[in-house]
Amino acid sequence: MAAVNGDVEITLGSEDPVTLQLLEDDGVVPIDLTGITVLTLYMRDTDDGSLKEITGAKLTVLDAANGKIKLSQVSADFPAAASYRYKIKFMDLATKQHFVPDGSKWYFFTIYDVT
């Protein structure tokens, strides 16, 4: 299991959970996720532009105080080598919507085939 703060790389067929840490704009201070709702991972395919959303049991808060979330994928979630741009959305206690990263920036999520 790898903890990342930005770009993600996994091997095709991997079912190892991926831990992501959401950080403030300074890139150091964790975003406190205590009490958040509507945690969603948006992934845009870099080839065809299609959008995949992951939420619910596959995307959970692992450590709220330290801004850590866990993606629990299975091999069927990513059936082929691909590249995505991704960002995460959550709602805070005041029902304000937040995106990480914010603005037009996206991180990259790449699935590699080693065969």
N, C-alpha and C. Protein backbone atom coordinates (compact mmCIF):
# COMPACT_ATOMS: atom_id res chain seq x y z
N MET A 1 0.86 -1.18 0.00
CA MET A 1 0.00 0.00 0.00
C MET A 1 0.90 1.23 0.00
N ALA A 2 0.64 2.15 -0.91
CA ALA A 2 1.46 3.34 -1.03
C ALA A 2 0.66 4.58 -0.65
N ALA A 3 1.24 5.43 0.14
CA ALA A 3 0.62 6.71 0.49
C ALA A 3 1.14 7.76 -0.47
N VAL A 4 0.23 8.47 -1.12
CA VAL A 4 0.65 9.46 -2.10
C VAL A 4 -0.04 10.80 -1.81
N ASN A 5 0.57 11.86 -2.27
CA ASN A 5 0.00 13.19 -2.11
C ASN A 5 -0.29 13.83 -3.46
N GLY A 6 -0.24 13.05 -4.51
CA GLY A 6 -0.46 13.61 -5.84
C GLY A 6 -0.68 12.52 -6.85
N ASP A 7 0.24 12.38 -7.80
CA ASP A 7 0.08 11.41 -8.87
C ASP A 7 0.10 9.98 -8.32
N VAL A 8 -0.67 9.10 -8.97
CA VAL A 8 -0.80 7.70 -8.56
C VAL A 8 -0.41 6.81 -9.73
N GLU A 9 0.35 5.75 -9.44
CA GLU A 9 0.67 4.74 -10.43
C GLU A 9 0.37 3.38 -9.82
N ILE A 10 -0.41 2.55 -10.55
CA ILE A 10 -0.66 1.19 -10.10
C ILE A 10 -0.46 0.24 -11.28
N THR A 11 -0.24 -1.02 -10.97
CA THR A 11 -0.08 -2.04 -11.98
C THR A 11 -1.44 -2.64 -12.31
N LEU A 12 -1.68 -2.87 -13.59
CA LEU A 12 -2.92 -3.46 -14.05
C LEU A 12 -3.21 -4.74 -13.27
N GLY A 13 -4.41 -4.88 -12.76
CA GLY A 13 -4.81 -6.04 -11.99
C GLY A 13 -4.58 -5.92 -10.50
N SER A 14 -3.88 -4.88 -10.07
CA SER A 14 -3.61 -4.70 -8.64
C SER A 14 -4.89 -4.45 -7.87
N GLU A 15 -4.99 -5.09 -6.72
CA GLU A 15 -6.11 -4.85 -5.83
C GLU A 15 -5.63 -4.29 -4.50
N ASP A 16 -4.39 -3.79 -4.46
CA ASP A 16 -3.87 -3.15 -3.26
C ASP A 16 -4.54 -1.79 -3.09
N PRO A 17 -5.01 -1.50 -1.88
CA PRO A 17 -5.61 -0.18 -1.65
C PRO A 17 -4.60 0.94 -1.89
N VAL A 18 -5.11 2.08 -2.31
CA VAL A 18 -4.27 3.26 -2.52
C VAL A 18 -4.67 4.29 -1.47
N THR A 19 -3.68 4.79 -0.71
CA THR A 19 -3.94 5.83 0.28
C THR A 19 -3.53 7.18 -0.29
N LEU A 20 -4.44 8.12 -0.20
CA LEU A 20 -4.19 9.49 -0.66
C LEU A 20 -4.29 10.42 0.54
N GLN A 21 -3.44 11.44 0.58
CA GLN A 21 -3.52 12.43 1.66
C GLN A 21 -3.85 13.77 1.04
N LEU A 22 -4.93 14.38 1.53
CA LEU A 22 -5.36 15.69 1.03
C LEU A 22 -4.68 16.77 1.85
N LEU A 23 -3.99 17.67 1.15
CA LEU A 23 -3.21 18.72 1.81
C LEU A 23 -3.71 20.11 1.46
N GLU A 24 -3.49 21.04 2.37
CA GLU A 24 -3.80 22.45 2.12
C GLU A 24 -2.93 22.95 0.97
N ASP A 25 -3.18 24.17 0.52
CA ASP A 25 -2.45 24.75 -0.61
C ASP A 25 -0.94 24.81 -0.39
N ASP A 26 -0.50 24.84 0.88
CA ASP A 26 0.94 24.89 1.14
C ASP A 26 1.63 23.56 0.86
N GLY A 27 0.85 22.49 0.60
CA GLY A 27 1.42 21.19 0.30
C GLY A 27 1.98 20.45 1.49
N VAL A 28 1.73 20.97 2.71
CA VAL A 28 2.28 20.36 3.92
C VAL A 28 1.19 20.03 4.93
N VAL A 29 0.33 20.99 5.21
CA VAL A 29 -0.69 20.83 6.25
C VAL A 29 -1.84 19.97 5.74
N PRO A 30 -2.17 18.87 6.45
CA PRO A 30 -3.28 18.02 6.04
C PRO A 30 -4.62 18.75 6.17
N ILE A 31 -5.54 18.45 5.26
CA ILE A 31 -6.90 18.96 5.34
C ILE A 31 -7.66 18.09 6.33
N ASP A 32 -8.27 18.69 7.34
CA ASP A 32 -9.03 17.94 8.33
C ASP A 32 -10.36 17.52 7.70
N LEU A 33 -10.58 16.22 7.62
CA LEU A 33 -11.78 15.68 6.99
C LEU A 33 -12.84 15.25 8.01
N THR A 34 -12.69 15.67 9.25
CA THR A 34 -13.65 15.29 10.29
C THR A 34 -15.05 15.78 9.91
N GLY A 35 -15.99 14.87 9.86
CA GLY A 35 -17.38 15.21 9.60
C GLY A 35 -17.74 15.47 8.15
N ILE A 36 -16.83 15.24 7.22
CA ILE A 36 -17.15 15.53 5.82
C ILE A 36 -18.18 14.54 5.28
N THR A 37 -18.82 14.95 4.20
CA THR A 37 -19.77 14.08 3.52
C THR A 37 -19.47 14.11 2.02
N VAL A 38 -20.11 13.24 1.29
CA VAL A 38 -20.04 13.22 -0.17
C VAL A 38 -18.60 13.21 -0.69
N LEU A 39 -17.83 12.24 -0.29
CA LEU A 39 -16.46 12.07 -0.77
C LEU A 39 -16.52 11.38 -2.13
N THR A 40 -15.97 12.04 -3.16
CA THR A 40 -16.04 11.51 -4.53
C THR A 40 -14.69 11.68 -5.21
N LEU A 41 -14.27 10.64 -5.93
CA LEU A 41 -13.08 10.68 -6.77
C LEU A 41 -13.54 10.79 -8.21
N TYR A 42 -13.13 11.86 -8.90
CA TYR A 42 -13.44 12.06 -10.31
C TYR A 42 -12.21 11.71 -11.12
N MET A 43 -12.39 10.84 -12.12
CA MET A 43 -11.29 10.43 -12.98
C MET A 43 -11.68 10.65 -14.44
N ARG A 44 -10.93 11.50 -15.14
CA ARG A 44 -11.21 11.77 -16.55
C ARG A 44 -10.16 11.05 -17.40
N ASP A 45 -10.63 10.15 -18.28
CA ASP A 45 -9.75 9.38 -19.16
C ASP A 45 -9.03 10.35 -20.10
N THR A 46 -7.71 10.26 -20.17
CA THR A 46 -6.95 11.20 -21.00
C THR A 46 -7.08 10.88 -22.49
N ASP A 47 -7.54 9.66 -22.83
CA ASP A 47 -7.70 9.32 -24.25
C ASP A 47 -9.05 9.75 -24.80
N ASP A 48 -10.14 9.35 -24.15
CA ASP A 48 -11.46 9.62 -24.71
C ASP A 48 -12.26 10.68 -23.95
N GLY A 49 -11.73 11.18 -22.83
CA GLY A 49 -12.40 12.25 -22.09
C GLY A 49 -13.55 11.80 -21.21
N SER A 50 -13.84 10.49 -21.19
CA SER A 50 -14.96 10.01 -20.37
C SER A 50 -14.64 10.21 -18.89
N LEU A 51 -15.69 10.40 -18.11
CA LEU A 51 -15.54 10.68 -16.68
C LEU A 51 -16.04 9.49 -15.88
N LYS A 52 -15.20 9.04 -14.94
CA LYS A 52 -15.55 7.95 -14.03
C LYS A 52 -15.62 8.57 -12.64
N GLU A 53 -16.67 8.20 -11.88
CA GLU A 53 -16.82 8.67 -10.51
C GLU A 53 -16.75 7.48 -9.57
N ILE A 54 -15.96 7.61 -8.51
CA ILE A 54 -15.88 6.57 -7.49
C ILE A 54 -16.26 7.20 -6.16
N THR A 55 -17.19 6.57 -5.46
CA THR A 55 -17.67 7.06 -4.18
C THR A 55 -18.14 5.87 -3.35
N GLY A 56 -18.69 6.13 -2.20
CA GLY A 56 -19.23 5.04 -1.36
C GLY A 56 -18.15 4.19 -0.73
N ALA A 57 -18.42 2.90 -0.64
CA ALA A 57 -17.54 1.97 0.09
C ALA A 57 -16.15 1.84 -0.54
N LYS A 58 -16.00 2.14 -1.80
CA LYS A 58 -14.69 2.05 -2.45
C LYS A 58 -13.78 3.23 -2.10
N LEU A 59 -14.35 4.33 -1.61
CA LEU A 59 -13.58 5.53 -1.28
C LEU A 59 -13.98 5.97 0.11
N THR A 60 -13.10 5.78 1.08
CA THR A 60 -13.44 6.04 2.47
C THR A 60 -12.38 6.88 3.16
N VAL A 61 -12.79 7.55 4.24
CA VAL A 61 -11.85 8.31 5.06
C VAL A 61 -11.11 7.31 5.94
N LEU A 62 -9.80 7.34 5.89
CA LEU A 62 -8.95 6.44 6.65
C LEU A 62 -8.49 7.10 7.95
N ASP A 63 -8.12 8.37 7.88
CA ASP A 63 -7.62 9.13 9.02
C ASP A 63 -8.05 10.59 8.82
N ALA A 64 -9.20 10.95 9.38
CA ALA A 64 -9.79 12.27 9.13
C ALA A 64 -8.88 13.42 9.53
N ALA A 65 -8.28 13.36 10.72
CA ALA A 65 -7.45 14.46 11.21
C ALA A 65 -6.24 14.72 10.32
N ASN A 66 -5.75 13.68 9.65
CA ASN A 66 -4.57 13.82 8.79
C ASN A 66 -4.90 13.82 7.31
N GLY A 67 -6.18 13.97 6.98
CA GLY A 67 -6.59 14.12 5.59
C GLY A 67 -6.38 12.90 4.72
N LYS A 68 -6.38 11.70 5.31
CA LYS A 68 -6.10 10.49 4.53
C LYS A 68 -7.38 9.76 4.14
N ILE A 69 -7.43 9.40 2.86
CA ILE A 69 -8.54 8.62 2.34
C ILE A 69 -7.98 7.36 1.67
N LYS A 70 -8.85 6.36 1.51
CA LYS A 70 -8.41 5.11 0.92
C LYS A 70 -9.31 4.73 -0.25
N LEU A 71 -8.66 4.39 -1.38
CA LEU A 71 -9.35 3.85 -2.54
C LEU A 71 -9.15 2.35 -2.51
N SER A 72 -10.24 1.60 -2.39
CA SER A 72 -10.19 0.14 -2.36
C SER A 72 -10.72 -0.39 -3.68
N GLN A 73 -9.85 -0.46 -4.67
CA GLN A 73 -10.27 -0.91 -5.99
C GLN A 73 -10.07 -2.43 -6.12
N VAL A 74 -10.79 -3.00 -7.09
CA VAL A 74 -10.58 -4.39 -7.48
C VAL A 74 -10.16 -4.36 -8.95
N SER A 75 -9.62 -5.47 -9.44
CA SER A 75 -9.08 -5.47 -10.80
C SER A 75 -10.13 -5.08 -11.85
N ALA A 76 -11.40 -5.38 -11.60
CA ALA A 76 -12.45 -5.03 -12.56
C ALA A 76 -12.68 -3.52 -12.66
N ASP A 77 -12.24 -2.73 -11.67
CA ASP A 77 -12.41 -1.28 -11.72
C ASP A 77 -11.54 -0.65 -12.80
N PHE A 78 -10.39 -1.25 -13.05
CA PHE A 78 -9.45 -0.74 -14.06
C PHE A 78 -9.02 -1.92 -14.93
N PRO A 79 -9.85 -2.31 -15.92
CA PRO A 79 -9.61 -3.54 -16.68
C PRO A 79 -8.53 -3.45 -17.75
N ALA A 80 -8.00 -2.26 -18.00
CA ALA A 80 -6.98 -2.11 -19.04
C ALA A 80 -6.03 -0.98 -18.63
N ALA A 81 -4.85 -1.02 -19.25
CA ALA A 81 -3.90 0.07 -19.03
C ALA A 81 -4.56 1.38 -19.48
N ALA A 82 -4.39 2.41 -18.70
CA ALA A 82 -5.03 3.69 -19.03
C ALA A 82 -4.38 4.81 -18.23
N SER A 83 -4.66 6.03 -18.65
CA SER A 83 -4.22 7.22 -17.93
C SER A 83 -5.44 8.10 -17.67
N TYR A 84 -5.51 8.60 -16.47
CA TYR A 84 -6.60 9.47 -16.06
C TYR A 84 -6.03 10.73 -15.43
N ARG A 85 -6.81 11.80 -15.48
CA ARG A 85 -6.58 12.96 -14.62
C ARG A 85 -7.60 12.81 -13.51
N TYR A 86 -7.21 13.15 -12.27
CA TYR A 86 -8.18 12.97 -11.18
C TYR A 86 -8.16 14.12 -10.20
N LYS A 87 -9.31 14.27 -9.53
CA LYS A 87 -9.43 15.19 -8.40
C LYS A 87 -10.47 14.63 -7.45
N ILE A 88 -10.48 15.14 -6.23
CA ILE A 88 -11.36 14.64 -5.18
C ILE A 88 -12.27 15.78 -4.73
N LYS A 89 -13.55 15.44 -4.52
CA LYS A 89 -14.52 16.41 -4.02
C LYS A 89 -15.05 15.92 -2.68
N PHE A 90 -15.25 16.86 -1.76
CA PHE A 90 -15.94 16.54 -0.51
C PHE A 90 -16.74 17.75 -0.06
N MET A 91 -17.73 17.49 0.80
CA MET A 91 -18.54 18.55 1.39
C MET A 91 -18.16 18.66 2.86
N ASP A 92 -18.00 19.90 3.36
CA ASP A 92 -17.66 20.07 4.77
C ASP A 92 -18.94 20.17 5.61
N LEU A 93 -18.78 20.37 6.91
CA LEU A 93 -19.93 20.43 7.82
C LEU A 93 -20.90 21.55 7.47
N ALA A 94 -20.41 22.61 6.86
CA ALA A 94 -21.26 23.73 6.46
C ALA A 94 -21.85 23.51 5.07
N THR A 95 -21.73 22.30 4.54
CA THR A 95 -22.18 21.89 3.21
C THR A 95 -21.53 22.70 2.08
N LYS A 96 -20.31 23.16 2.34
CA LYS A 96 -19.53 23.81 1.29
C LYS A 96 -18.77 22.74 0.52
N GLN A 97 -18.75 22.89 -0.78
CA GLN A 97 -18.09 21.95 -1.67
C GLN A 97 -16.61 22.32 -1.82
N HIS A 98 -15.73 21.31 -1.75
CA HIS A 98 -14.28 21.52 -1.89
C HIS A 98 -13.72 20.53 -2.90
N PHE A 99 -12.73 20.97 -3.68
CA PHE A 99 -12.03 20.10 -4.61
C PHE A 99 -10.54 20.10 -4.30
N VAL A 100 -9.92 18.93 -4.41
CA VAL A 100 -8.48 18.81 -4.24
C VAL A 100 -7.96 18.01 -5.43
N PRO A 101 -7.07 18.58 -6.26
CA PRO A 101 -6.63 19.96 -6.19
C PRO A 101 -7.73 20.89 -6.68
N ASP A 102 -7.59 22.16 -6.34
CA ASP A 102 -8.60 23.16 -6.67
C ASP A 102 -8.32 23.74 -8.06
N GLY A 103 -9.29 24.41 -8.61
CA GLY A 103 -9.12 25.09 -9.88
C GLY A 103 -8.99 24.14 -11.06
N SER A 104 -8.17 24.53 -12.03
CA SER A 104 -8.04 23.74 -13.24
C SER A 104 -7.00 22.62 -13.13
N LYS A 105 -6.28 22.56 -12.02
CA LYS A 105 -5.25 21.53 -11.84
C LYS A 105 -5.90 20.17 -11.56
N TRP A 106 -5.30 19.13 -12.11
CA TRP A 106 -5.68 17.74 -11.87
C TRP A 106 -4.40 16.97 -11.58
N TYR A 107 -4.50 15.87 -10.82
CA TYR A 107 -3.39 14.94 -10.65
C TYR A 107 -3.55 13.84 -11.69
N PHE A 108 -2.49 13.03 -11.85
CA PHE A 108 -2.55 11.94 -12.81
C PHE A 108 -2.62 10.59 -12.11
N PHE A 109 -3.43 9.69 -12.67
CA PHE A 109 -3.64 8.33 -12.16
C PHE A 109 -3.38 7.42 -13.35
N THR A 110 -2.31 6.63 -13.27
CA THR A 110 -1.90 5.80 -14.40
C THR A 110 -1.93 4.34 -14.03
N ILE A 111 -2.52 3.52 -14.90
CA ILE A 111 -2.54 2.07 -14.73
C ILE A 111 -1.62 1.49 -15.79
N TYR A 112 -0.54 0.80 -15.32
CA TYR A 112 0.45 0.23 -16.21
C TYR A 112 0.25 -1.26 -16.39
N ASP A 113 0.44 -1.73 -17.61
CA ASP A 113 0.42 -3.15 -17.91
C ASP A 113 1.86 -3.62 -17.97
N VAL A 114 2.23 -4.60 -17.17
CA VAL A 114 3.63 -5.06 -17.13
C VAL A 114 3.88 -6.27 -18.02
N THR A 115 2.85 -6.70 -18.75
CA THR A 115 3.05 -7.87 -19.62
C THR A 115 3.53 -7.46 -20.99
